[in-house]
N, C-alpha and C. Protein backbone atom coordinates (compact mmCIF):
# COMPACT_ATOMS: atom_id res chain seq x y z
N PRO A 1 123.02 85.80 -215.69
CA PRO A 1 122.58 86.62 -214.58
C PRO A 1 123.65 86.70 -213.49
N TYR A 2 123.66 87.79 -212.78
CA TYR A 2 124.65 88.06 -211.75
C TYR A 2 124.26 87.43 -210.42
N SER A 3 125.25 86.90 -209.73
CA SER A 3 125.14 86.55 -208.32
C SER A 3 126.55 86.63 -207.75
N ARG A 4 126.64 86.85 -206.45
CA ARG A 4 127.97 86.95 -205.83
C ARG A 4 128.73 85.64 -205.95
N HIS A 5 128.02 84.52 -205.89
CA HIS A 5 128.65 83.21 -206.00
C HIS A 5 129.24 83.00 -207.40
N LYS A 6 128.48 83.34 -208.42
CA LYS A 6 128.96 83.22 -209.80
C LYS A 6 130.14 84.14 -210.04
N LEU A 7 130.09 85.34 -209.49
CA LEU A 7 131.19 86.29 -209.63
C LEU A 7 132.45 85.75 -208.97
N ALA A 8 132.33 85.13 -207.80
CA ALA A 8 133.48 84.55 -207.11
C ALA A 8 134.10 83.42 -207.92
N ILE A 9 133.27 82.60 -208.55
CA ILE A 9 133.78 81.51 -209.39
C ILE A 9 134.52 82.09 -210.60
N CYS A 10 133.94 83.10 -211.25
CA CYS A 10 134.58 83.71 -212.41
C CYS A 10 135.89 84.39 -212.04
N GLU A 11 135.94 85.06 -210.89
CA GLU A 11 137.18 85.70 -210.46
C GLU A 11 138.26 84.66 -210.16
N LEU A 12 137.87 83.51 -209.61
CA LEU A 12 138.81 82.43 -209.37
C LEU A 12 139.37 81.90 -210.69
N LEU A 13 138.48 81.69 -211.68
CA LEU A 13 138.92 81.20 -212.99
C LEU A 13 139.82 82.22 -213.68
N GLN A 14 139.57 83.51 -213.46
CA GLN A 14 140.43 84.55 -214.02
C GLN A 14 141.80 84.52 -213.34
N ALA A 15 141.83 84.36 -212.03
CA ALA A 15 143.10 84.30 -211.30
C ALA A 15 143.92 83.06 -211.70
N GLU A 16 143.24 81.98 -212.05
CA GLU A 16 143.92 80.75 -212.46
C GLU A 16 144.31 80.77 -213.94
N GLY A 17 143.88 81.79 -214.69
CA GLY A 17 144.28 81.93 -216.08
C GLY A 17 143.39 81.26 -217.09
N TYR A 18 142.17 80.92 -216.73
CA TYR A 18 141.26 80.26 -217.66
C TYR A 18 140.39 81.24 -218.44
N ILE A 19 140.16 82.43 -217.91
CA ILE A 19 139.38 83.44 -218.63
C ILE A 19 140.13 84.77 -218.57
N ASN A 20 139.87 85.64 -219.55
CA ASN A 20 140.56 86.93 -219.62
C ASN A 20 139.98 87.96 -218.67
N ALA A 21 138.67 88.14 -218.70
CA ALA A 21 138.07 89.19 -217.90
C ALA A 21 136.64 88.83 -217.53
N VAL A 22 136.20 89.42 -216.44
CA VAL A 22 134.81 89.31 -216.03
C VAL A 22 134.37 90.69 -215.55
N THR A 23 133.23 91.13 -216.05
CA THR A 23 132.69 92.43 -215.65
C THR A 23 131.22 92.27 -215.29
N VAL A 24 130.75 93.20 -214.46
CA VAL A 24 129.35 93.20 -214.06
C VAL A 24 128.67 94.37 -214.75
N ASP A 25 127.64 94.07 -215.54
CA ASP A 25 126.86 95.09 -216.23
C ASP A 25 125.78 95.57 -215.27
N GLU A 26 125.92 96.82 -214.81
CA GLU A 26 125.00 97.35 -213.82
C GLU A 26 124.09 98.44 -214.39
N GLN A 27 123.74 98.35 -215.66
CA GLN A 27 122.86 99.36 -216.25
C GLN A 27 121.50 99.36 -215.57
N ASN A 28 120.98 98.19 -215.30
CA ASN A 28 119.72 98.07 -214.58
C ASN A 28 120.04 97.41 -213.23
N PRO A 29 120.02 98.16 -212.12
CA PRO A 29 120.44 97.61 -210.83
C PRO A 29 119.64 96.38 -210.38
N LYS A 30 118.41 96.26 -210.83
CA LYS A 30 117.61 95.10 -210.44
C LYS A 30 117.89 93.87 -211.29
N LYS A 31 118.57 94.05 -212.41
CA LYS A 31 118.84 92.94 -213.32
C LYS A 31 120.28 93.02 -213.81
N LYS A 32 121.24 92.75 -212.92
CA LYS A 32 122.65 92.78 -213.28
C LYS A 32 123.01 91.54 -214.10
N ASN A 33 124.02 91.69 -214.96
CA ASN A 33 124.51 90.58 -215.76
C ASN A 33 126.01 90.49 -215.66
N LEU A 34 126.53 89.28 -215.77
CA LEU A 34 127.97 89.05 -215.83
C LEU A 34 128.38 88.93 -217.29
N HIS A 35 129.49 89.54 -217.64
CA HIS A 35 130.07 89.40 -218.98
C HIS A 35 131.44 88.77 -218.81
N VAL A 36 131.63 87.59 -219.40
CA VAL A 36 132.86 86.84 -219.27
C VAL A 36 133.55 86.79 -220.63
N VAL A 37 134.84 87.15 -220.65
CA VAL A 37 135.64 87.09 -221.87
C VAL A 37 136.55 85.87 -221.75
N LEU A 38 136.33 84.90 -222.62
CA LEU A 38 137.12 83.67 -222.59
C LEU A 38 138.53 83.92 -223.09
N LYS A 39 139.47 83.09 -222.65
CA LYS A 39 140.87 83.22 -223.04
C LYS A 39 141.19 82.18 -224.11
N TYR A 40 141.94 82.59 -225.11
CA TYR A 40 142.34 81.71 -226.20
C TYR A 40 143.85 81.72 -226.34
N PHE A 41 144.43 80.58 -226.73
CA PHE A 41 145.85 80.47 -227.00
C PHE A 41 146.01 79.78 -228.34
N GLU A 42 146.59 80.49 -229.30
CA GLU A 42 146.79 79.98 -230.67
C GLU A 42 145.48 79.49 -231.28
N GLY A 43 144.42 80.24 -231.07
CA GLY A 43 143.13 79.94 -231.67
C GLY A 43 142.32 78.88 -230.95
N GLN A 44 142.87 78.28 -229.90
CA GLN A 44 142.17 77.24 -229.15
C GLN A 44 141.79 77.79 -227.77
N PRO A 45 140.61 77.44 -227.26
CA PRO A 45 140.24 77.92 -225.93
C PRO A 45 141.13 77.31 -224.85
N VAL A 46 141.49 78.11 -223.87
CA VAL A 46 142.33 77.63 -222.77
C VAL A 46 141.52 76.67 -221.90
N MET A 47 140.26 76.98 -221.66
CA MET A 47 139.38 76.12 -220.87
C MET A 47 138.70 75.14 -221.83
N ARG A 48 139.19 73.91 -221.85
CA ARG A 48 138.66 72.94 -222.80
C ARG A 48 137.37 72.30 -222.31
N THR A 49 137.32 71.93 -221.04
CA THR A 49 136.11 71.33 -220.49
C THR A 49 135.80 71.94 -219.13
N LEU A 50 134.54 72.04 -218.83
CA LEU A 50 134.06 72.45 -217.52
C LEU A 50 132.94 71.48 -217.16
N LYS A 51 133.22 70.60 -216.20
CA LYS A 51 132.26 69.56 -215.83
C LYS A 51 131.64 69.91 -214.49
N ARG A 52 130.34 70.04 -214.46
CA ARG A 52 129.61 70.34 -213.23
C ARG A 52 129.55 69.06 -212.39
N VAL A 53 129.96 69.15 -211.14
CA VAL A 53 129.99 67.99 -210.28
C VAL A 53 128.78 67.99 -209.35
N SER A 54 128.62 69.06 -208.59
CA SER A 54 127.52 69.17 -207.64
C SER A 54 126.31 69.78 -208.33
N LYS A 55 125.16 69.17 -208.12
CA LYS A 55 123.92 69.65 -208.74
C LYS A 55 122.91 69.95 -207.64
N PRO A 56 121.92 70.77 -207.91
CA PRO A 56 120.92 71.04 -206.88
C PRO A 56 120.21 69.78 -206.37
N SER A 57 120.04 68.81 -207.25
CA SER A 57 119.35 67.58 -206.83
C SER A 57 120.29 66.59 -206.13
N LEU A 58 121.60 66.75 -206.31
CA LEU A 58 122.57 65.84 -205.71
C LEU A 58 123.86 66.59 -205.42
N ARG A 59 123.97 67.12 -204.21
CA ARG A 59 125.16 67.87 -203.81
C ARG A 59 126.31 66.90 -203.54
N GLN A 60 127.51 67.29 -203.95
CA GLN A 60 128.71 66.48 -203.76
C GLN A 60 129.65 67.22 -202.82
N TYR A 61 129.89 66.64 -201.66
CA TYR A 61 130.77 67.25 -200.66
C TYR A 61 132.03 66.40 -200.51
N ALA A 62 133.13 67.08 -200.20
CA ALA A 62 134.39 66.40 -199.93
C ALA A 62 134.90 66.88 -198.58
N PRO A 63 135.11 65.97 -197.64
CA PRO A 63 135.64 66.39 -196.34
C PRO A 63 137.10 66.82 -196.46
N LYS A 64 137.60 67.54 -195.45
CA LYS A 64 138.97 68.03 -195.51
C LYS A 64 139.94 66.86 -195.65
N GLY A 65 140.95 67.07 -196.47
CA GLY A 65 141.96 66.05 -196.69
C GLY A 65 141.56 64.97 -197.68
N GLU A 66 140.32 64.94 -198.12
CA GLU A 66 139.87 63.90 -199.05
C GLU A 66 139.47 64.47 -200.41
N ILE A 67 139.89 65.68 -200.71
CA ILE A 67 139.61 66.27 -202.01
C ILE A 67 140.59 65.66 -203.01
N LYS A 68 140.05 65.02 -204.02
CA LYS A 68 140.88 64.28 -204.96
C LYS A 68 141.62 65.20 -205.91
N HIS A 69 142.79 64.74 -206.37
CA HIS A 69 143.60 65.46 -207.33
C HIS A 69 142.94 65.38 -208.71
N VAL A 70 142.98 66.47 -209.44
CA VAL A 70 142.43 66.51 -210.79
C VAL A 70 143.55 66.13 -211.76
N PRO A 71 143.32 65.17 -212.64
CA PRO A 71 144.39 64.77 -213.57
C PRO A 71 144.76 65.89 -214.55
N GLY A 72 146.02 65.89 -214.95
CA GLY A 72 146.49 66.91 -215.90
C GLY A 72 146.68 68.26 -215.23
N PHE A 73 146.40 69.32 -215.97
CA PHE A 73 146.58 70.67 -215.47
C PHE A 73 145.28 71.29 -214.99
N GLY A 74 144.30 70.48 -214.69
CA GLY A 74 142.98 70.99 -214.31
C GLY A 74 142.89 71.36 -212.83
N ILE A 75 141.78 72.00 -212.50
CA ILE A 75 141.50 72.36 -211.12
C ILE A 75 140.07 71.96 -210.78
N ALA A 76 139.84 71.75 -209.50
CA ALA A 76 138.47 71.56 -209.00
C ALA A 76 138.12 72.82 -208.24
N VAL A 77 136.93 73.33 -208.45
CA VAL A 77 136.45 74.52 -207.76
C VAL A 77 135.60 74.06 -206.58
N ILE A 78 136.02 74.48 -205.37
CA ILE A 78 135.39 74.04 -204.14
C ILE A 78 134.77 75.25 -203.44
N SER A 79 133.54 75.10 -202.96
CA SER A 79 132.91 76.13 -202.16
C SER A 79 133.08 75.75 -200.70
N THR A 80 133.89 76.53 -199.97
CA THR A 80 134.20 76.24 -198.58
C THR A 80 133.59 77.30 -197.67
N SER A 81 133.79 77.14 -196.38
CA SER A 81 133.32 78.14 -195.43
C SER A 81 134.11 79.43 -195.54
N ASN A 82 135.29 79.38 -196.16
CA ASN A 82 136.12 80.57 -196.37
C ASN A 82 135.97 81.13 -197.77
N GLY A 83 134.99 80.68 -198.53
CA GLY A 83 134.75 81.17 -199.88
C GLY A 83 135.08 80.14 -200.93
N VAL A 84 135.04 80.56 -202.18
CA VAL A 84 135.31 79.68 -203.31
C VAL A 84 136.82 79.62 -203.53
N MET A 85 137.35 78.40 -203.67
CA MET A 85 138.79 78.24 -203.89
C MET A 85 139.07 76.97 -204.67
N THR A 86 140.31 76.83 -205.12
CA THR A 86 140.72 75.64 -205.86
C THR A 86 140.92 74.48 -204.88
N HIS A 87 141.02 73.28 -205.44
CA HIS A 87 141.21 72.11 -204.58
C HIS A 87 142.57 72.15 -203.89
N GLN A 88 143.59 72.73 -204.55
CA GLN A 88 144.91 72.82 -203.92
C GLN A 88 144.86 73.75 -202.71
N ALA A 89 144.20 74.90 -202.86
CA ALA A 89 144.11 75.86 -201.76
C ALA A 89 143.29 75.29 -200.61
N ALA A 90 142.22 74.55 -200.93
CA ALA A 90 141.39 73.95 -199.88
C ALA A 90 142.18 72.89 -199.11
N ASN A 91 142.95 72.06 -199.82
CA ASN A 91 143.78 71.05 -199.15
C ASN A 91 144.83 71.72 -198.27
N LYS A 92 145.45 72.77 -198.79
CA LYS A 92 146.49 73.48 -198.04
C LYS A 92 145.92 74.12 -196.78
N ALA A 93 144.70 74.66 -196.87
CA ALA A 93 144.05 75.31 -195.72
C ALA A 93 143.39 74.29 -194.79
N GLY A 94 143.33 73.03 -195.20
CA GLY A 94 142.70 72.01 -194.38
C GLY A 94 141.19 72.14 -194.33
N LEU A 95 140.60 72.54 -195.46
CA LEU A 95 139.16 72.75 -195.52
C LEU A 95 138.52 71.74 -196.48
N GLY A 96 137.28 71.42 -196.22
CA GLY A 96 136.47 70.64 -197.13
C GLY A 96 135.32 71.51 -197.61
N GLY A 97 134.50 70.96 -198.47
CA GLY A 97 133.37 71.73 -198.94
C GLY A 97 132.67 71.08 -200.11
N GLU A 98 131.84 71.86 -200.76
CA GLU A 98 131.06 71.36 -201.90
C GLU A 98 131.90 71.48 -203.16
N VAL A 99 132.03 70.38 -203.89
CA VAL A 99 132.79 70.36 -205.14
C VAL A 99 131.85 70.87 -206.24
N LEU A 100 132.10 72.08 -206.74
CA LEU A 100 131.20 72.70 -207.71
C LEU A 100 131.45 72.19 -209.12
N CYS A 101 132.72 72.23 -209.56
CA CYS A 101 133.02 71.84 -210.95
C CYS A 101 134.49 71.48 -211.08
N ILE A 102 134.80 70.84 -212.20
CA ILE A 102 136.19 70.51 -212.56
C ILE A 102 136.48 71.17 -213.90
N VAL A 103 137.59 71.90 -213.97
CA VAL A 103 137.97 72.64 -215.17
C VAL A 103 139.27 72.06 -215.69
N ASN A 104 139.31 71.74 -216.99
CA ASN A 104 140.54 71.29 -217.67
C ASN A 104 140.83 72.21 -218.81
């Protein structure tokens, strides 16, 4: 199902090179859907793991400057007051926020 928050996360993953494309199916305006095309390299998915960190029952927040580095080539997706961004961009902007997920 479509939401602006989910679309922002998918667009971030597309900009970081983890997915090929994301489109919004607007055939029924009251029931929009997101279509995500995953990216593959030599038959293997580029996004190997996606671990959800913050849950509705237990939100995980990281204050500015305390967002931890993700090992390897992964990223952490952070929801900040300036929108959804990677952990590197949040640290650079001096922002904290809710840690949504970690992608490797």
